[in-house]
């Protein structure tokens, strides 16, 4: 499945903006925007990022849950507050979004010794693939090292 749809709570802020709250099983994700249009866009971005976390961890994203404004407000400690808000659905086509934002290739220019270039071409080696794999390996190694330190 590529298109994911979840209900979210939109709470109107005093300044006219909106705070957007997702269901707890989506890591308690939240975002905000200056107006309803920006809030919807930010909600789509937020949903795509949360889905990416699930997918990268090899986990299935949770099923959409029915949201109740009063329960969400109580969970936030706002049950005694007077808040204007509504529930709306936010959808994102994860495959399209991730290709555009998470997995989009960027062009890099690099210099290598001429002899390496010649040998690699003779052997039909794919420079981009080799560099990508080497960078992924180094990143994992550095991240693992950073986790041990921090």
N, C-alpha and C. Protein backbone atom coordinates (compact mmCIF):
# COMPACT_ATOMS: atom_id res chain seq x y z
N UNK A 1 0.85 -1.18 0.00
CA UNK A 1 0.00 0.00 0.00
C UNK A 1 0.89 1.23 0.00
N UNK A 2 0.53 2.18 -0.81
CA UNK A 2 1.34 3.38 -0.91
C UNK A 2 0.65 4.60 -0.31
N UNK A 3 -0.68 4.65 -0.37
CA UNK A 3 -1.40 5.81 0.17
C UNK A 3 -1.88 5.46 1.58
N UNK A 4 -1.50 6.30 2.52
CA UNK A 4 -1.88 6.13 3.92
C UNK A 4 -2.75 7.31 4.33
N UNK A 5 -3.82 7.02 5.06
CA UNK A 5 -4.75 8.06 5.51
C UNK A 5 -5.00 7.88 7.00
N UNK A 6 -4.85 8.96 7.74
CA UNK A 6 -5.06 8.93 9.19
C UNK A 6 -5.88 10.14 9.62
N UNK A 7 -6.72 9.95 10.65
CA UNK A 7 -7.42 11.11 11.22
C UNK A 7 -6.45 11.88 12.11
N UNK A 8 -6.57 13.18 12.11
CA UNK A 8 -5.74 14.02 12.97
C UNK A 8 -6.60 15.13 13.58
N UNK A 9 -6.19 15.59 14.75
CA UNK A 9 -6.89 16.69 15.43
C UNK A 9 -6.20 18.00 15.09
N UNK A 10 -6.98 18.97 14.68
CA UNK A 10 -6.49 20.32 14.41
C UNK A 10 -7.02 21.22 15.52
N UNK A 11 -6.12 21.81 16.29
CA UNK A 11 -6.51 22.73 17.35
C UNK A 11 -6.18 24.14 16.92
N UNK A 12 -7.18 25.02 16.92
CA UNK A 12 -6.96 26.42 16.54
C UNK A 12 -6.23 27.15 17.65
N UNK A 13 -5.17 27.84 17.28
CA UNK A 13 -4.39 28.63 18.23
C UNK A 13 -4.92 30.06 18.26
N UNK A 14 -4.61 30.79 19.33
CA UNK A 14 -5.08 32.18 19.46
C UNK A 14 -4.60 33.08 18.33
N UNK A 15 -3.41 32.79 17.80
CA UNK A 15 -2.84 33.62 16.74
C UNK A 15 -3.38 33.28 15.35
N UNK A 16 -4.31 32.32 15.29
CA UNK A 16 -4.89 31.93 14.00
C UNK A 16 -4.26 30.70 13.39
N UNK A 17 -3.15 30.25 13.94
CA UNK A 17 -2.52 29.04 13.44
C UNK A 17 -3.19 27.80 14.00
N UNK A 18 -2.65 26.66 13.65
CA UNK A 18 -3.21 25.38 14.11
C UNK A 18 -2.10 24.47 14.60
N UNK A 19 -2.40 23.73 15.67
CA UNK A 19 -1.55 22.64 16.13
C UNK A 19 -2.23 21.36 15.66
N UNK A 20 -1.45 20.45 15.13
CA UNK A 20 -1.97 19.21 14.57
C UNK A 20 -1.43 18.04 15.39
N UNK A 21 -2.33 17.20 15.89
CA UNK A 21 -1.96 16.07 16.75
C UNK A 21 -2.40 14.76 16.09
N UNK A 22 -1.46 13.82 15.98
CA UNK A 22 -1.75 12.50 15.43
C UNK A 22 -2.06 11.52 16.56
N UNK A 23 -2.53 10.35 16.18
CA UNK A 23 -2.81 9.30 17.16
C UNK A 23 -1.52 8.86 17.85
N UNK A 24 -1.64 8.39 19.07
CA UNK A 24 -0.47 8.00 19.88
C UNK A 24 0.40 6.95 19.21
N UNK A 25 -0.21 6.01 18.48
CA UNK A 25 0.57 4.93 17.86
C UNK A 25 1.45 5.42 16.72
N UNK A 26 1.31 6.67 16.34
CA UNK A 26 2.22 7.28 15.35
C UNK A 26 3.27 8.11 16.09
N UNK A 27 3.79 7.53 17.17
CA UNK A 27 4.84 8.14 18.00
C UNK A 27 4.41 9.47 18.62
N UNK A 28 3.10 9.69 18.71
CA UNK A 28 2.62 10.95 19.29
C UNK A 28 3.02 12.15 18.45
N UNK A 29 3.12 11.95 17.16
CA UNK A 29 3.57 13.00 16.25
C UNK A 29 2.65 14.22 16.31
N UNK A 30 3.25 15.38 16.16
CA UNK A 30 2.52 16.65 16.15
C UNK A 30 3.27 17.64 15.29
N UNK A 31 2.54 18.60 14.78
CA UNK A 31 3.15 19.67 13.98
C UNK A 31 2.25 20.89 14.09
N UNK A 32 2.58 21.93 13.34
CA UNK A 32 1.76 23.14 13.38
C UNK A 32 1.95 23.94 12.10
N UNK A 33 1.05 24.90 11.91
CA UNK A 33 1.14 25.77 10.75
C UNK A 33 0.49 27.11 11.06
N UNK A 34 0.83 28.11 10.24
CA UNK A 34 0.32 29.47 10.45
C UNK A 34 -1.15 29.62 10.08
N UNK A 35 -1.62 28.76 9.19
CA UNK A 35 -3.02 28.79 8.75
C UNK A 35 -3.43 27.37 8.40
N UNK A 36 -4.66 27.19 7.99
CA UNK A 36 -5.15 25.83 7.73
C UNK A 36 -4.41 25.17 6.57
N UNK A 37 -4.10 25.93 5.53
CA UNK A 37 -3.41 25.37 4.37
C UNK A 37 -2.02 24.88 4.76
N UNK A 38 -1.27 25.72 5.48
CA UNK A 38 0.07 25.33 5.90
C UNK A 38 0.01 24.17 6.89
N UNK A 39 -0.99 24.17 7.74
CA UNK A 39 -1.14 23.09 8.72
C UNK A 39 -1.41 21.76 8.04
N UNK A 40 -2.22 21.76 7.00
CA UNK A 40 -2.48 20.53 6.24
C UNK A 40 -1.20 20.04 5.56
N UNK A 41 -0.46 20.96 4.98
CA UNK A 41 0.80 20.60 4.31
C UNK A 41 1.80 20.05 5.33
N UNK A 42 1.90 20.70 6.48
CA UNK A 42 2.81 20.24 7.52
C UNK A 42 2.38 18.88 8.05
N UNK A 43 1.06 18.63 8.13
CA UNK A 43 0.55 17.34 8.58
C UNK A 43 0.93 16.24 7.60
N UNK A 44 0.87 16.52 6.31
CA UNK A 44 1.28 15.54 5.30
C UNK A 44 2.76 15.24 5.43
N UNK A 45 3.58 16.29 5.59
CA UNK A 45 5.03 16.10 5.77
C UNK A 45 5.32 15.27 7.01
N UNK A 46 4.66 15.60 8.10
CA UNK A 46 4.85 14.91 9.36
C UNK A 46 4.46 13.43 9.22
N UNK A 47 3.32 13.18 8.60
CA UNK A 47 2.87 11.80 8.40
C UNK A 47 3.88 11.03 7.57
N UNK A 48 4.38 11.62 6.51
CA UNK A 48 5.36 10.94 5.66
C UNK A 48 6.63 10.61 6.44
N UNK A 49 7.09 11.53 7.28
CA UNK A 49 8.29 11.28 8.09
C UNK A 49 8.08 10.15 9.09
N UNK A 50 6.92 10.13 9.73
CA UNK A 50 6.62 9.07 10.69
C UNK A 50 6.52 7.72 9.98
N UNK A 51 5.85 7.70 8.83
CA UNK A 51 5.74 6.46 8.06
C UNK A 51 7.12 5.97 7.63
N UNK A 52 7.98 6.90 7.27
CA UNK A 52 9.34 6.54 6.86
C UNK A 52 10.08 5.86 8.02
N UNK A 53 9.88 6.36 9.23
CA UNK A 53 10.50 5.71 10.40
C UNK A 53 10.04 4.27 10.53
N UNK A 54 8.74 4.05 10.43
CA UNK A 54 8.21 2.68 10.53
C UNK A 54 8.80 1.79 9.45
N UNK A 55 8.77 2.26 8.23
CA UNK A 55 9.21 1.46 7.09
C UNK A 55 10.71 1.19 7.16
N UNK A 56 11.51 2.19 7.52
CA UNK A 56 12.95 2.00 7.64
C UNK A 56 13.30 1.01 8.75
N UNK A 57 12.46 0.94 9.79
CA UNK A 57 12.67 0.00 10.90
C UNK A 57 12.09 -1.38 10.58
N UNK A 58 11.49 -1.54 9.39
CA UNK A 58 10.90 -2.81 9.00
C UNK A 58 9.60 -3.11 9.71
N UNK A 59 8.96 -2.09 10.24
CA UNK A 59 7.69 -2.26 10.95
C UNK A 59 6.52 -1.84 10.06
N UNK A 60 5.40 -2.47 10.28
CA UNK A 60 4.18 -2.10 9.56
C UNK A 60 3.57 -0.89 10.27
N UNK A 61 3.22 0.16 9.52
CA UNK A 61 2.56 1.30 10.15
C UNK A 61 1.26 0.87 10.82
N UNK A 62 0.89 1.51 11.93
CA UNK A 62 -0.33 1.12 12.64
C UNK A 62 -1.58 1.43 11.84
N UNK A 63 -2.64 0.74 12.21
CA UNK A 63 -3.94 1.02 11.59
C UNK A 63 -4.44 2.38 12.08
N UNK A 64 -5.18 3.10 11.25
CA UNK A 64 -5.78 4.36 11.71
C UNK A 64 -6.73 4.09 12.87
N UNK A 65 -6.72 4.98 13.84
CA UNK A 65 -7.60 4.86 15.00
C UNK A 65 -8.64 5.97 14.95
N UNK A 66 -9.78 5.71 15.52
CA UNK A 66 -10.79 6.75 15.62
C UNK A 66 -10.34 7.74 16.69
N UNK A 67 -10.33 9.00 16.36
CA UNK A 67 -9.90 10.03 17.32
C UNK A 67 -11.11 10.72 17.93
N UNK A 68 -10.96 11.11 19.17
CA UNK A 68 -11.99 11.84 19.90
C UNK A 68 -11.32 13.09 20.45
N UNK A 69 -11.83 14.26 20.08
CA UNK A 69 -11.22 15.53 20.49
C UNK A 69 -11.07 15.62 22.01
N UNK A 70 -12.11 15.23 22.75
CA UNK A 70 -12.06 15.34 24.21
C UNK A 70 -10.98 14.45 24.80
N UNK A 71 -10.82 13.24 24.27
CA UNK A 71 -9.79 12.33 24.77
C UNK A 71 -8.39 12.86 24.45
N UNK A 72 -8.23 13.41 23.26
CA UNK A 72 -6.93 13.97 22.88
C UNK A 72 -6.60 15.15 23.79
N UNK A 73 -7.57 16.02 24.01
CA UNK A 73 -7.35 17.18 24.89
C UNK A 73 -7.02 16.73 26.31
N UNK A 74 -7.70 15.70 26.80
CA UNK A 74 -7.43 15.18 28.13
C UNK A 74 -6.01 14.63 28.20
N UNK A 75 -5.60 13.90 27.16
CA UNK A 75 -4.25 13.35 27.09
C UNK A 75 -3.17 14.42 27.10
N UNK A 76 -3.53 15.59 26.60
CA UNK A 76 -2.60 16.73 26.57
C UNK A 76 -2.70 17.59 27.83
N UNK A 77 -3.61 17.20 28.74
CA UNK A 77 -3.81 17.99 29.95
C UNK A 77 -4.59 19.26 29.70
N UNK A 78 -5.39 19.28 28.66
CA UNK A 78 -6.14 20.48 28.28
C UNK A 78 -7.65 20.31 28.46
N UNK A 79 -8.06 19.32 29.25
CA UNK A 79 -9.50 19.05 29.37
C UNK A 79 -10.28 20.23 29.94
N UNK A 80 -9.63 21.09 30.71
CA UNK A 80 -10.32 22.24 31.29
C UNK A 80 -10.22 23.48 30.41
N UNK A 81 -9.47 23.38 29.33
CA UNK A 81 -9.28 24.52 28.43
C UNK A 81 -10.41 24.56 27.40
N UNK A 82 -10.67 25.75 26.91
CA UNK A 82 -11.65 25.90 25.85
C UNK A 82 -10.87 25.99 24.55
N UNK A 83 -10.92 24.94 23.78
CA UNK A 83 -10.17 24.90 22.52
C UNK A 83 -11.13 24.70 21.36
N UNK A 84 -10.87 25.44 20.31
CA UNK A 84 -11.61 25.22 19.07
C UNK A 84 -10.79 24.23 18.26
N UNK A 85 -11.47 23.30 17.67
CA UNK A 85 -10.75 22.34 16.86
C UNK A 85 -11.68 21.44 16.08
N UNK A 86 -11.07 20.59 15.28
CA UNK A 86 -11.84 19.65 14.47
C UNK A 86 -10.94 18.48 14.11
N UNK A 87 -11.56 17.42 13.68
CA UNK A 87 -10.82 16.25 13.21
C UNK A 87 -10.96 16.19 11.70
N UNK A 88 -9.85 15.94 11.04
CA UNK A 88 -9.85 15.81 9.59
C UNK A 88 -8.93 14.66 9.23
N UNK A 89 -9.04 14.18 8.01
CA UNK A 89 -8.16 13.11 7.54
C UNK A 89 -7.03 13.70 6.71
N UNK A 90 -5.85 13.14 6.92
CA UNK A 90 -4.68 13.54 6.15
C UNK A 90 -4.16 12.31 5.43
N UNK A 91 -3.92 12.45 4.14
CA UNK A 91 -3.41 11.34 3.33
C UNK A 91 -2.07 11.72 2.72
N UNK A 92 -1.23 10.70 2.54
CA UNK A 92 0.03 10.91 1.85
C UNK A 92 0.33 9.67 1.01
N UNK A 93 0.75 9.90 -0.22
CA UNK A 93 1.22 8.80 -1.07
C UNK A 93 2.69 8.63 -0.72
N UNK A 94 2.96 7.66 0.15
CA UNK A 94 4.31 7.48 0.70
C UNK A 94 5.35 7.24 -0.38
N UNK A 95 5.06 6.40 -1.35
CA UNK A 95 6.04 6.10 -2.40
C UNK A 95 6.45 7.35 -3.17
N UNK A 96 5.46 8.11 -3.61
CA UNK A 96 5.75 9.34 -4.36
C UNK A 96 6.49 10.35 -3.49
N UNK A 97 6.01 10.51 -2.26
CA UNK A 97 6.62 11.49 -1.36
C UNK A 97 8.07 11.11 -1.07
N UNK A 98 8.31 9.83 -0.78
CA UNK A 98 9.67 9.42 -0.42
C UNK A 98 10.63 9.54 -1.59
N UNK A 99 10.14 9.27 -2.80
CA UNK A 99 11.01 9.43 -3.98
C UNK A 99 11.42 10.89 -4.15
N UNK A 100 10.48 11.78 -3.88
CA UNK A 100 10.75 13.22 -4.06
C UNK A 100 11.57 13.81 -2.92
N UNK A 101 11.33 13.35 -1.68
CA UNK A 101 11.94 14.01 -0.53
C UNK A 101 13.02 13.20 0.19
N UNK A 102 12.88 11.89 0.23
CA UNK A 102 13.82 11.08 1.01
C UNK A 102 14.86 10.38 0.15
N UNK A 103 14.48 9.99 -1.05
CA UNK A 103 15.37 9.16 -1.85
C UNK A 103 15.77 9.80 -3.17
N UNK A 104 15.56 11.08 -3.25
CA UNK A 104 15.91 11.80 -4.46
C UNK A 104 17.43 11.84 -4.60
N UNK A 105 17.92 11.48 -5.77
CA UNK A 105 19.36 11.48 -6.00
C UNK A 105 19.85 12.90 -6.26
N UNK A 106 21.04 13.17 -5.78
CA UNK A 106 21.69 14.45 -6.05
C UNK A 106 23.01 14.19 -6.76
N UNK A 107 23.35 15.10 -7.64
CA UNK A 107 24.58 14.94 -8.41
C UNK A 107 25.75 15.51 -7.63
N UNK A 108 26.83 14.75 -7.55
CA UNK A 108 28.05 15.18 -6.88
C UNK A 108 29.20 15.07 -7.85
N UNK A 109 30.11 15.99 -7.77
CA UNK A 109 31.31 15.95 -8.59
C UNK A 109 32.48 15.57 -7.69
N UNK A 110 33.29 14.63 -8.15
CA UNK A 110 34.44 14.23 -7.36
C UNK A 110 35.63 14.02 -8.26
N UNK A 111 36.78 13.98 -7.66
CA UNK A 111 38.03 13.76 -8.39
C UNK A 111 38.67 12.46 -7.92
N UNK A 112 39.11 11.67 -8.89
CA UNK A 112 39.84 10.44 -8.57
C UNK A 112 41.07 10.37 -9.46
N UNK A 113 42.06 9.61 -9.07
CA UNK A 113 43.25 9.48 -9.92
C UNK A 113 42.88 8.89 -11.29
N UNK A 114 43.54 9.35 -12.31
CA UNK A 114 43.25 8.94 -13.69
C UNK A 114 43.37 7.42 -13.86
N UNK A 115 44.36 6.81 -13.22
CA UNK A 115 44.55 5.37 -13.35
C UNK A 115 43.35 4.60 -12.80
N UNK A 116 42.80 5.06 -11.65
CA UNK A 116 41.61 4.42 -11.10
C UNK A 116 40.43 4.55 -12.06
N UNK A 117 40.26 5.72 -12.65
CA UNK A 117 39.18 5.95 -13.59
C UNK A 117 39.30 4.99 -14.77
N UNK A 118 40.49 4.86 -15.31
CA UNK A 118 40.73 3.99 -16.48
C UNK A 118 40.41 2.53 -16.14
N UNK A 119 40.95 2.04 -15.02
CA UNK A 119 40.74 0.64 -14.61
C UNK A 119 39.26 0.36 -14.35
N UNK A 120 38.60 1.28 -13.66
CA UNK A 120 37.19 1.09 -13.34
C UNK A 120 36.35 1.03 -14.61
N UNK A 121 36.63 1.90 -15.56
CA UNK A 121 35.89 1.89 -16.83
C UNK A 121 36.14 0.59 -17.60
N UNK A 122 37.40 0.13 -17.60
CA UNK A 122 37.72 -1.13 -18.29
C UNK A 122 36.93 -2.30 -17.69
N UNK A 123 36.71 -2.26 -16.40
CA UNK A 123 35.99 -3.34 -15.71
C UNK A 123 34.48 -3.14 -15.69
N UNK A 124 34.03 -2.03 -16.24
CA UNK A 124 32.60 -1.74 -16.30
C UNK A 124 31.98 -1.47 -14.95
N UNK A 125 32.74 -0.90 -14.03
CA UNK A 125 32.24 -0.62 -12.69
C UNK A 125 31.33 0.60 -12.69
N UNK A 126 30.31 0.54 -11.84
CA UNK A 126 29.35 1.64 -11.71
C UNK A 126 29.81 2.55 -10.57
N UNK A 127 30.33 3.71 -10.92
CA UNK A 127 30.87 4.65 -9.94
C UNK A 127 29.82 5.05 -8.89
N UNK A 128 28.63 5.38 -9.35
CA UNK A 128 27.58 5.84 -8.44
C UNK A 128 27.20 4.77 -7.43
N UNK A 129 27.04 3.53 -7.92
CA UNK A 129 26.65 2.44 -7.03
C UNK A 129 27.74 2.16 -5.99
N UNK A 130 28.98 2.15 -6.42
CA UNK A 130 30.09 1.88 -5.49
C UNK A 130 30.20 2.98 -4.45
N UNK A 131 30.09 4.22 -4.86
CA UNK A 131 30.16 5.34 -3.93
C UNK A 131 28.99 5.30 -2.95
N UNK A 132 27.79 5.03 -3.45
CA UNK A 132 26.60 4.93 -2.59
C UNK A 132 26.78 3.86 -1.53
N UNK A 133 27.22 2.67 -1.94
CA UNK A 133 27.41 1.56 -0.99
C UNK A 133 28.51 1.88 0.02
N UNK A 134 29.58 2.49 -0.43
CA UNK A 134 30.68 2.85 0.48
C UNK A 134 30.22 3.91 1.49
N UNK A 135 29.45 4.90 1.04
CA UNK A 135 28.93 5.92 1.95
C UNK A 135 27.97 5.32 2.97
N UNK A 136 27.09 4.44 2.53
CA UNK A 136 26.15 3.79 3.46
C UNK A 136 26.91 3.01 4.52
N UNK A 137 27.95 2.30 4.12
CA UNK A 137 28.77 1.52 5.05
C UNK A 137 29.46 2.43 6.06
N UNK A 138 30.03 3.52 5.59
CA UNK A 138 30.72 4.47 6.48
C UNK A 138 29.76 5.17 7.43
N UNK A 139 28.59 5.51 6.93
CA UNK A 139 27.58 6.17 7.78
C UNK A 139 27.17 5.24 8.91
N UNK A 140 26.89 3.98 8.59
CA UNK A 140 26.50 3.01 9.62
C UNK A 140 27.61 2.85 10.65
N UNK A 141 28.84 2.80 10.18
CA UNK A 141 29.99 2.64 11.08
C UNK A 141 30.12 3.85 12.00
N UNK A 142 29.98 5.04 11.46
CA UNK A 142 30.09 6.27 12.26
C UNK A 142 28.94 6.38 13.25
N UNK A 143 27.71 6.06 12.81
CA UNK A 143 26.55 6.13 13.70
C UNK A 143 26.69 5.14 14.85
N UNK A 144 27.18 3.96 14.55
CA UNK A 144 27.39 2.95 15.59
C UNK A 144 28.42 3.44 16.61
N UNK A 145 29.47 4.05 16.11
CA UNK A 145 30.53 4.59 16.97
C UNK A 145 29.97 5.73 17.84
N UNK A 146 29.13 6.59 17.24
CA UNK A 146 28.55 7.72 17.97
C UNK A 146 27.62 7.23 19.08
N UNK A 147 26.87 6.16 18.84
CA UNK A 147 25.97 5.62 19.85
C UNK A 147 26.75 5.11 21.05
N UNK A 148 27.92 4.51 20.80
CA UNK A 148 28.75 4.01 21.90
C UNK A 148 29.28 5.15 22.75
N UNK A 149 29.63 6.26 22.10
CA UNK A 149 30.19 7.42 22.80
C UNK A 149 29.10 8.17 23.56
N UNK A 150 27.96 8.39 22.90
CA UNK A 150 26.91 9.22 23.47
C UNK A 150 25.90 8.43 24.18
